[in-house]
Amino acid sequence: MNMAPSAEQHARVFPGGFTVLSLRFSEDDAHAALHQLCVKEHRVRSESNTNRPLDRTLFVLNVPPYCSESVMTDVFSRFGPLQSVELSERPGASGASGSGVSRYFTSRRRQCFRVAYIEFKQVSGVNAAKRHPENTPLIISSTDRPVRTGIRS
């Protein structure tokens, strides 16, 4: 009797070293399509505008517009304690950079898919996230931590 877990229960590694994590908006959406995030250990050494530690930072692609820094903190803190979460419209850009117009005006955040840099306090957090099985979705919105989407009046 083979007790080894099947390949479907492990994280798969794709070209470029990315692992796929599945997201489900809520438990109520059990039949809804899953959203996939592509994650890998952040290894870009040429970024001069940041102090991201290479061994403790997870680079995340395909972050949906409804995922704020606090949502990403909730999702990724299950893998270990976090140091910081940074969202950006494109890789390498600093999410904290201003619009350059004036300090009195802030540009509206574009509703687009973004990238994230998740900095863990320990290396084990990055490894745990990369090992999470693709077929076990991470839940975004729950009754105790609802995520609001759509138009607010």
N, C-alpha and C. Protein backbone atom coordinates (compact mmCIF):
# COMPACT_ATOMS: atom_id res chain seq x y z
N MET A 1 0.84 -1.17 0.00
CA MET A 1 0.00 0.00 0.00
C MET A 1 0.89 1.24 0.00
N ASN A 2 0.71 2.09 -0.98
CA ASN A 2 1.52 3.29 -1.13
C ASN A 2 0.89 4.43 -0.35
N MET A 3 1.56 4.92 0.67
CA MET A 3 1.03 6.00 1.51
C MET A 3 1.57 7.36 1.10
N ALA A 4 2.37 7.43 0.07
CA ALA A 4 2.93 8.71 -0.38
C ALA A 4 1.82 9.57 -0.97
N PRO A 5 1.83 10.88 -0.67
CA PRO A 5 0.81 11.75 -1.24
C PRO A 5 0.95 11.83 -2.75
N SER A 6 -0.17 12.03 -3.41
CA SER A 6 -0.13 12.13 -4.87
C SER A 6 0.50 13.46 -5.27
N ALA A 7 0.91 13.55 -6.52
CA ALA A 7 1.54 14.77 -7.03
C ALA A 7 0.57 15.95 -6.97
N GLU A 8 -0.74 15.67 -7.01
CA GLU A 8 -1.73 16.75 -6.98
C GLU A 8 -1.78 17.44 -5.63
N GLN A 9 -1.26 16.83 -4.58
CA GLN A 9 -1.31 17.41 -3.25
C GLN A 9 -0.10 18.29 -2.96
N HIS A 10 0.84 18.39 -3.86
CA HIS A 10 2.04 19.20 -3.66
C HIS A 10 1.98 20.43 -4.55
N ALA A 11 2.75 21.44 -4.16
CA ALA A 11 2.87 22.61 -5.00
C ALA A 11 3.66 22.23 -6.25
N ARG A 12 3.26 22.76 -7.38
CA ARG A 12 3.98 22.51 -8.62
C ARG A 12 4.84 23.73 -8.94
N VAL A 13 6.03 23.49 -9.47
CA VAL A 13 6.91 24.57 -9.86
C VAL A 13 6.84 24.73 -11.37
N PHE A 14 6.62 25.98 -11.81
CA PHE A 14 6.47 26.29 -13.22
C PHE A 14 7.71 26.99 -13.74
N PRO A 15 7.81 27.18 -15.06
CA PRO A 15 8.97 27.88 -15.63
C PRO A 15 9.21 29.22 -14.93
N GLY A 16 10.45 29.53 -14.75
CA GLY A 16 10.83 30.75 -14.05
C GLY A 16 10.90 30.55 -12.54
N GLY A 17 10.64 29.33 -12.08
CA GLY A 17 10.70 29.05 -10.66
C GLY A 17 9.45 29.43 -9.89
N PHE A 18 8.36 29.75 -10.60
CA PHE A 18 7.13 30.15 -9.93
C PHE A 18 6.33 28.95 -9.43
N THR A 19 5.69 29.14 -8.31
CA THR A 19 4.74 28.20 -7.74
C THR A 19 3.37 28.88 -7.84
N VAL A 20 2.32 28.12 -8.05
CA VAL A 20 0.98 28.68 -8.16
C VAL A 20 0.22 28.47 -6.85
N LEU A 21 -0.37 29.56 -6.35
CA LEU A 21 -1.26 29.50 -5.20
C LEU A 21 -2.66 29.86 -5.69
N SER A 22 -3.65 29.08 -5.32
CA SER A 22 -5.02 29.36 -5.72
C SER A 22 -5.72 30.20 -4.67
N LEU A 23 -6.53 31.15 -5.14
CA LEU A 23 -7.35 31.99 -4.27
C LEU A 23 -8.82 31.72 -4.56
N ARG A 24 -9.62 31.75 -3.51
CA ARG A 24 -11.07 31.74 -3.65
C ARG A 24 -11.55 32.95 -2.87
N PHE A 25 -12.46 33.71 -3.46
CA PHE A 25 -12.89 34.95 -2.81
C PHE A 25 -13.52 34.66 -1.44
N SER A 26 -14.43 33.67 -1.38
CA SER A 26 -15.04 33.33 -0.09
C SER A 26 -15.42 31.86 -0.07
N GLU A 27 -15.70 31.36 1.11
CA GLU A 27 -16.13 29.97 1.26
C GLU A 27 -17.44 29.73 0.53
N ASP A 28 -18.28 30.76 0.44
CA ASP A 28 -19.58 30.64 -0.23
C ASP A 28 -19.44 30.41 -1.73
N ASP A 29 -18.29 30.75 -2.29
CA ASP A 29 -18.05 30.62 -3.73
C ASP A 29 -17.40 29.29 -4.08
N ALA A 30 -17.86 28.22 -3.47
CA ALA A 30 -17.21 26.91 -3.65
C ALA A 30 -17.21 26.45 -5.10
N HIS A 31 -18.16 26.93 -5.90
CA HIS A 31 -18.22 26.51 -7.30
C HIS A 31 -17.68 27.57 -8.26
N ALA A 32 -17.23 28.69 -7.71
CA ALA A 32 -16.68 29.75 -8.55
C ALA A 32 -15.27 29.38 -9.00
N ALA A 33 -14.86 29.97 -10.11
CA ALA A 33 -13.51 29.73 -10.63
C ALA A 33 -12.48 30.26 -9.64
N LEU A 34 -11.36 29.58 -9.55
CA LEU A 34 -10.29 30.01 -8.68
C LEU A 34 -9.40 31.01 -9.40
N HIS A 35 -8.78 31.89 -8.63
CA HIS A 35 -7.82 32.84 -9.17
C HIS A 35 -6.43 32.34 -8.78
N GLN A 36 -5.48 32.41 -9.68
CA GLN A 36 -4.13 31.93 -9.39
C GLN A 36 -3.14 33.08 -9.20
N LEU A 37 -2.35 32.98 -8.14
CA LEU A 37 -1.22 33.86 -7.90
C LEU A 37 0.04 33.08 -8.25
N CYS A 38 0.99 33.73 -8.86
CA CYS A 38 2.29 33.11 -9.15
C CYS A 38 3.29 33.69 -8.15
N VAL A 39 3.96 32.82 -7.40
CA VAL A 39 4.87 33.28 -6.36
C VAL A 39 6.24 32.62 -6.51
N LYS A 40 7.26 33.35 -6.11
CA LYS A 40 8.60 32.78 -6.01
C LYS A 40 9.43 33.65 -5.09
N GLU A 41 10.52 33.09 -4.65
CA GLU A 41 11.43 33.85 -3.79
C GLU A 41 12.00 35.01 -4.58
N HIS A 42 11.97 36.19 -3.98
CA HIS A 42 12.47 37.40 -4.64
C HIS A 42 13.99 37.35 -4.70
N ARG A 43 14.55 37.43 -5.90
CA ARG A 43 16.00 37.30 -6.09
C ARG A 43 16.61 38.42 -6.93
N VAL A 44 15.91 39.53 -7.15
CA VAL A 44 16.44 40.60 -8.00
C VAL A 44 17.40 41.45 -7.19
N ARG A 45 18.65 41.44 -7.59
CA ARG A 45 19.67 42.19 -6.86
C ARG A 45 19.86 43.62 -7.39
N SER A 46 19.29 43.90 -8.55
CA SER A 46 19.55 45.20 -9.18
C SER A 46 18.61 46.30 -8.69
N GLU A 47 17.67 45.99 -7.83
CA GLU A 47 16.75 47.02 -7.34
C GLU A 47 17.47 47.89 -6.31
N SER A 48 17.72 49.13 -6.68
CA SER A 48 18.47 50.01 -5.79
C SER A 48 17.55 50.81 -4.87
N ASN A 49 16.23 50.80 -5.17
CA ASN A 49 15.31 51.64 -4.40
C ASN A 49 14.67 50.90 -3.23
N THR A 50 15.14 49.73 -2.88
CA THR A 50 14.51 48.98 -1.80
C THR A 50 15.55 48.25 -0.97
N ASN A 51 15.12 47.83 0.18
CA ASN A 51 15.97 47.05 1.07
C ASN A 51 15.34 45.69 1.32
N ARG A 52 14.73 45.12 0.32
CA ARG A 52 14.06 43.83 0.49
C ARG A 52 15.08 42.72 0.71
N PRO A 53 14.98 42.01 1.83
CA PRO A 53 15.91 40.89 2.05
C PRO A 53 15.58 39.75 1.09
N LEU A 54 16.58 39.28 0.36
CA LEU A 54 16.35 38.29 -0.68
C LEU A 54 15.90 36.94 -0.14
N ASP A 55 16.31 36.58 1.05
CA ASP A 55 15.95 35.26 1.56
C ASP A 55 14.60 35.23 2.26
N ARG A 56 14.02 36.41 2.57
CA ARG A 56 12.76 36.45 3.30
C ARG A 56 11.63 37.13 2.55
N THR A 57 11.84 37.45 1.27
CA THR A 57 10.83 38.16 0.50
C THR A 57 10.25 37.27 -0.58
N LEU A 58 8.92 37.24 -0.64
CA LEU A 58 8.19 36.48 -1.65
C LEU A 58 7.67 37.46 -2.70
N PHE A 59 7.96 37.19 -3.95
CA PHE A 59 7.49 38.01 -5.08
C PHE A 59 6.21 37.37 -5.60
N VAL A 60 5.14 38.16 -5.72
CA VAL A 60 3.82 37.64 -6.10
C VAL A 60 3.32 38.37 -7.34
N LEU A 61 2.95 37.60 -8.37
CA LEU A 61 2.37 38.16 -9.60
C LEU A 61 0.87 37.90 -9.64
N ASN A 62 0.13 38.72 -10.39
CA ASN A 62 -1.29 38.51 -10.68
C ASN A 62 -2.18 38.78 -9.46
N VAL A 63 -1.84 39.80 -8.67
CA VAL A 63 -2.63 40.16 -7.50
C VAL A 63 -3.87 40.92 -7.96
N PRO A 64 -5.09 40.41 -7.66
CA PRO A 64 -6.31 41.07 -8.13
C PRO A 64 -6.52 42.44 -7.48
N PRO A 65 -7.27 43.31 -8.15
CA PRO A 65 -7.50 44.67 -7.62
C PRO A 65 -8.15 44.70 -6.25
N TYR A 66 -8.95 43.71 -5.89
CA TYR A 66 -9.62 43.72 -4.59
C TYR A 66 -8.70 43.31 -3.44
N CYS A 67 -7.46 42.99 -3.73
CA CYS A 67 -6.51 42.61 -2.68
C CYS A 67 -5.67 43.83 -2.28
N SER A 68 -5.98 44.38 -1.13
CA SER A 68 -5.21 45.50 -0.58
C SER A 68 -4.03 44.95 0.22
N GLU A 69 -3.22 45.84 0.78
CA GLU A 69 -2.12 45.40 1.63
C GLU A 69 -2.65 44.60 2.82
N SER A 70 -3.77 45.05 3.40
CA SER A 70 -4.30 44.34 4.57
C SER A 70 -4.84 42.96 4.18
N VAL A 71 -5.46 42.84 3.00
CA VAL A 71 -5.93 41.54 2.53
C VAL A 71 -4.75 40.60 2.31
N MET A 72 -3.70 41.10 1.67
CA MET A 72 -2.53 40.28 1.42
C MET A 72 -1.85 39.89 2.74
N THR A 73 -1.88 40.77 3.72
CA THR A 73 -1.33 40.45 5.03
C THR A 73 -2.11 39.29 5.65
N ASP A 74 -3.44 39.36 5.58
CA ASP A 74 -4.27 38.28 6.12
C ASP A 74 -3.99 36.96 5.40
N VAL A 75 -3.89 37.00 4.08
CA VAL A 75 -3.69 35.78 3.29
C VAL A 75 -2.33 35.15 3.59
N PHE A 76 -1.27 35.94 3.61
CA PHE A 76 0.07 35.38 3.73
C PHE A 76 0.56 35.20 5.17
N SER A 77 -0.10 35.82 6.14
CA SER A 77 0.34 35.64 7.54
C SER A 77 0.10 34.22 8.03
N ARG A 78 -0.72 33.44 7.32
CA ARG A 78 -0.91 32.04 7.73
C ARG A 78 0.36 31.21 7.50
N PHE A 79 1.31 31.73 6.73
CA PHE A 79 2.56 31.02 6.47
C PHE A 79 3.67 31.41 7.44
N GLY A 80 3.46 32.45 8.22
CA GLY A 80 4.45 32.90 9.18
C GLY A 80 4.32 34.39 9.43
N PRO A 81 4.97 34.90 10.48
CA PRO A 81 4.87 36.33 10.79
C PRO A 81 5.47 37.19 9.67
N LEU A 82 4.79 38.30 9.37
CA LEU A 82 5.21 39.19 8.28
C LEU A 82 5.92 40.42 8.82
N GLN A 83 6.89 40.88 8.04
CA GLN A 83 7.57 42.14 8.31
C GLN A 83 6.87 43.28 7.58
N SER A 84 6.53 43.05 6.29
CA SER A 84 5.86 44.09 5.50
C SER A 84 5.20 43.48 4.27
N VAL A 85 4.26 44.23 3.71
CA VAL A 85 3.59 43.88 2.46
C VAL A 85 3.59 45.13 1.60
N GLU A 86 4.07 44.99 0.37
CA GLU A 86 4.11 46.12 -0.55
C GLU A 86 3.47 45.73 -1.87
N LEU A 87 2.52 46.54 -2.33
CA LEU A 87 1.87 46.33 -3.63
C LEU A 87 2.38 47.38 -4.61
N SER A 88 2.52 46.97 -5.86
CA SER A 88 3.01 47.87 -6.90
C SER A 88 2.36 47.52 -8.24
N GLU A 89 2.26 48.49 -9.11
CA GLU A 89 1.66 48.24 -10.42
C GLU A 89 2.57 47.42 -11.33
N ARG A 90 3.87 47.46 -11.06
CA ARG A 90 4.81 46.70 -11.90
C ARG A 90 6.02 46.28 -11.06
N PRO A 91 6.69 45.23 -11.46
CA PRO A 91 7.86 44.77 -10.71
C PRO A 91 8.94 45.84 -10.64
N GLY A 92 9.59 45.91 -9.50
CA GLY A 92 10.71 46.84 -9.33
C GLY A 92 10.30 48.21 -8.88
N ALA A 93 9.06 48.61 -9.11
CA ALA A 93 8.60 49.93 -8.71
C ALA A 93 8.28 49.92 -7.23
N SER A 94 8.49 51.05 -6.60
CA SER A 94 8.15 51.15 -5.19
C SER A 94 6.69 51.53 -5.07
N GLY A 95 5.93 50.78 -4.29
CA GLY A 95 4.51 51.05 -4.11
C GLY A 95 4.25 52.35 -3.38
N ALA A 96 5.24 52.86 -2.66
CA ALA A 96 5.06 54.08 -1.89
C ALA A 96 5.38 55.32 -2.69
N SER A 97 5.80 55.18 -3.93
CA SER A 97 6.17 56.35 -4.71
C SER A 97 4.94 57.18 -5.03
N GLY A 98 5.09 58.49 -4.95
CA GLY A 98 3.97 59.41 -5.19
C GLY A 98 3.77 59.70 -6.66
N SER A 99 2.75 60.51 -6.93
CA SER A 99 2.42 60.84 -8.31
C SER A 99 3.32 61.92 -8.86
N GLY A 100 4.02 62.67 -7.97
CA GLY A 100 4.90 63.72 -8.43
C GLY A 100 4.18 65.03 -8.66
N VAL A 101 2.86 65.08 -8.47
CA VAL A 101 2.09 66.31 -8.70
C VAL A 101 2.29 67.27 -7.54
N SER A 102 1.93 66.84 -6.36
CA SER A 102 2.05 67.68 -5.18
C SER A 102 1.83 66.81 -3.96
N ARG A 103 2.35 67.25 -2.84
CA ARG A 103 2.11 66.47 -1.62
C ARG A 103 0.69 66.64 -1.13
N TYR A 104 -0.06 67.60 -1.67
CA TYR A 104 -1.44 67.82 -1.25
C TYR A 104 -2.44 67.02 -2.08
N PHE A 105 -2.01 66.49 -3.18
CA PHE A 105 -2.88 65.70 -4.03
C PHE A 105 -2.34 64.28 -4.10
N THR A 106 -3.21 63.33 -3.98
CA THR A 106 -2.79 61.95 -4.12
C THR A 106 -3.51 61.36 -5.33
N SER A 107 -2.77 60.64 -6.11
CA SER A 107 -3.38 60.04 -7.29
C SER A 107 -4.23 58.86 -6.85
N ARG A 108 -5.33 58.66 -7.55
CA ARG A 108 -6.18 57.51 -7.27
C ARG A 108 -5.47 56.25 -7.69
N ARG A 109 -5.58 55.23 -6.86
CA ARG A 109 -4.96 53.96 -7.20
C ARG A 109 -5.72 53.33 -8.36
N ARG A 110 -4.98 52.95 -9.37
CA ARG A 110 -5.60 52.30 -10.52
C ARG A 110 -6.13 50.94 -10.12
N GLN A 111 -7.27 50.58 -10.68
CA GLN A 111 -7.86 49.26 -10.43
C GLN A 111 -7.29 48.30 -11.46
N CYS A 112 -6.14 47.75 -11.17
CA CYS A 112 -5.47 46.84 -12.09
C CYS A 112 -4.84 45.70 -11.30
N PHE A 113 -4.44 44.66 -12.00
CA PHE A 113 -3.71 43.58 -11.36
C PHE A 113 -2.32 44.09 -11.04
N ARG A 114 -1.80 43.69 -9.89
CA ARG A 114 -0.53 44.23 -9.42
C ARG A 114 0.43 43.11 -9.03
N VAL A 115 1.59 43.52 -8.57
CA VAL A 115 2.57 42.61 -8.01
C VAL A 115 2.68 42.94 -6.53
N ALA A 116 3.14 41.98 -5.75
CA ALA A 116 3.33 42.20 -4.32
C ALA A 116 4.69 41.68 -3.90
N TYR A 117 5.23 42.31 -2.89
CA TYR A 117 6.45 41.86 -2.23
C TYR A 117 6.06 41.59 -0.78
N ILE A 118 6.06 40.33 -0.41
CA ILE A 118 5.68 39.91 0.94
C ILE A 118 6.96 39.59 1.70
N GLU A 119 7.29 40.42 2.68
CA GLU A 119 8.51 40.20 3.46
C GLU A 119 8.15 39.51 4.77
N PHE A 120 8.66 38.31 4.95
CA PHE A 120 8.43 37.54 6.17
C PHE A 120 9.51 37.88 7.19
N LYS A 121 9.21 37.65 8.46
CA LYS A 121 10.22 37.84 9.50
C LYS A 121 11.23 36.70 9.51
N GLN A 122 10.82 35.54 8.98
CA GLN A 122 11.71 34.37 8.94
C GLN A 122 11.67 33.73 7.56
N VAL A 123 12.76 33.08 7.19
CA VAL A 123 12.87 32.40 5.90
C VAL A 123 11.80 31.31 5.77
N SER A 124 11.42 30.71 6.87
CA SER A 124 10.45 29.61 6.83
C SER A 124 9.10 30.04 6.25
N GLY A 125 8.75 31.32 6.36
CA GLY A 125 7.49 31.81 5.79
C GLY A 125 7.47 31.72 4.27
N VAL A 126 8.58 32.09 3.65
CA VAL A 126 8.70 31.99 2.18
C VAL A 126 8.59 30.54 1.77
N ASN A 127 9.29 29.66 2.45
CA ASN A 127 9.27 28.24 2.11
C ASN A 127 7.89 27.63 2.30
N ALA A 128 7.18 28.01 3.36
CA ALA A 128 5.83 27.49 3.61
C ALA A 128 4.87 27.93 2.51
N ALA A 129 4.96 29.17 2.08
CA ALA A 129 4.09 29.68 1.01
C ALA A 129 4.37 28.95 -0.30
N LYS A 130 5.63 28.73 -0.61
CA LYS A 130 5.99 28.04 -1.85
C LYS A 130 5.57 26.58 -1.85
N ARG A 131 5.44 25.97 -0.68
CA ARG A 131 5.05 24.56 -0.57
C ARG A 131 3.54 24.36 -0.49
N HIS A 132 2.76 25.43 -0.36
CA HIS A 132 1.31 25.29 -0.20
C HIS A 132 0.72 24.65 -1.45
N PRO A 133 -0.11 23.62 -1.29
CA PRO A 133 -0.67 22.92 -2.47
C PRO A 133 -1.58 23.80 -3.30
N GLU A 134 -1.42 23.72 -4.61
CA GLU A 134 -2.21 24.52 -5.54
C GLU A 134 -3.70 24.20 -5.42
N ASN A 135 -4.05 22.96 -5.12
CA ASN A 135 -5.46 22.57 -5.09
C ASN A 135 -6.13 22.87 -3.74
N THR A 136 -5.46 23.57 -2.84
CA THR A 136 -6.05 24.02 -1.58
C THR A 136 -6.12 25.54 -1.63
N PRO A 137 -7.28 26.10 -2.01
CA PRO A 137 -7.36 27.55 -2.19
C PRO A 137 -7.26 28.33 -0.88
N LEU A 138 -6.66 29.48 -0.96
CA LEU A 138 -6.58 30.42 0.14
C LEU A 138 -7.83 31.30 0.06
N ILE A 139 -8.53 31.48 1.17
CA ILE A 139 -9.78 32.22 1.19
C ILE A 139 -9.49 33.70 1.49
N ILE A 140 -10.04 34.57 0.66
CA ILE A 140 -9.81 36.01 0.79
C ILE A 140 -10.75 36.65 1.81
N SER A 141 -12.06 36.44 1.64
CA SER A 141 -13.06 37.11 2.46
C SER A 141 -13.78 36.08 3.33
N SER A 142 -13.89 36.38 4.62
CA SER A 142 -14.59 35.50 5.55
C SER A 142 -15.55 36.34 6.38
N THR A 143 -16.40 35.70 7.15
CA THR A 143 -17.37 36.45 7.96
C THR A 143 -16.67 37.31 9.01
N ASP A 144 -15.57 36.84 9.56
CA ASP A 144 -14.86 37.66 10.55
C ASP A 144 -13.92 38.67 9.92
N ARG A 145 -13.55 38.49 8.65
CA ARG A 145 -12.71 39.47 7.93
C ARG A 145 -13.25 39.66 6.51
N PRO A 146 -14.39 40.38 6.40
CA PRO A 146 -14.99 40.57 5.07
C PRO A 146 -14.18 41.53 4.21
N VAL A 147 -14.11 41.24 2.92
CA VAL A 147 -13.46 42.13 1.96
C VAL A 147 -14.55 42.75 1.11
N ARG A 148 -14.60 44.06 1.08
CA ARG A 148 -15.64 44.77 0.33
C ARG A 148 -15.16 45.01 -1.10
N THR A 149 -16.06 44.76 -2.05
CA THR A 149 -15.77 45.01 -3.46
C THR A 149 -16.96 45.74 -4.06
N GLY A 150 -16.79 46.22 -5.28
CA GLY A 150 -17.90 46.88 -5.98
C GLY A 150 -17.97 48.36 -5.69
N ILE A 151 -19.12 48.93 -5.98
CA ILE A 151 -19.34 50.37 -5.83
C ILE A 151 -19.95 50.64 -4.47
N ARG A 152 -19.40 51.63 -3.78
CA ARG A 152 -19.95 52.05 -2.49
C ARG A 152 -20.72 53.34 -2.69
N SER A 153 -21.86 53.44 -2.03
CA SER A 153 -22.64 54.67 -2.15
C SER A 153 -22.41 55.59 -0.98
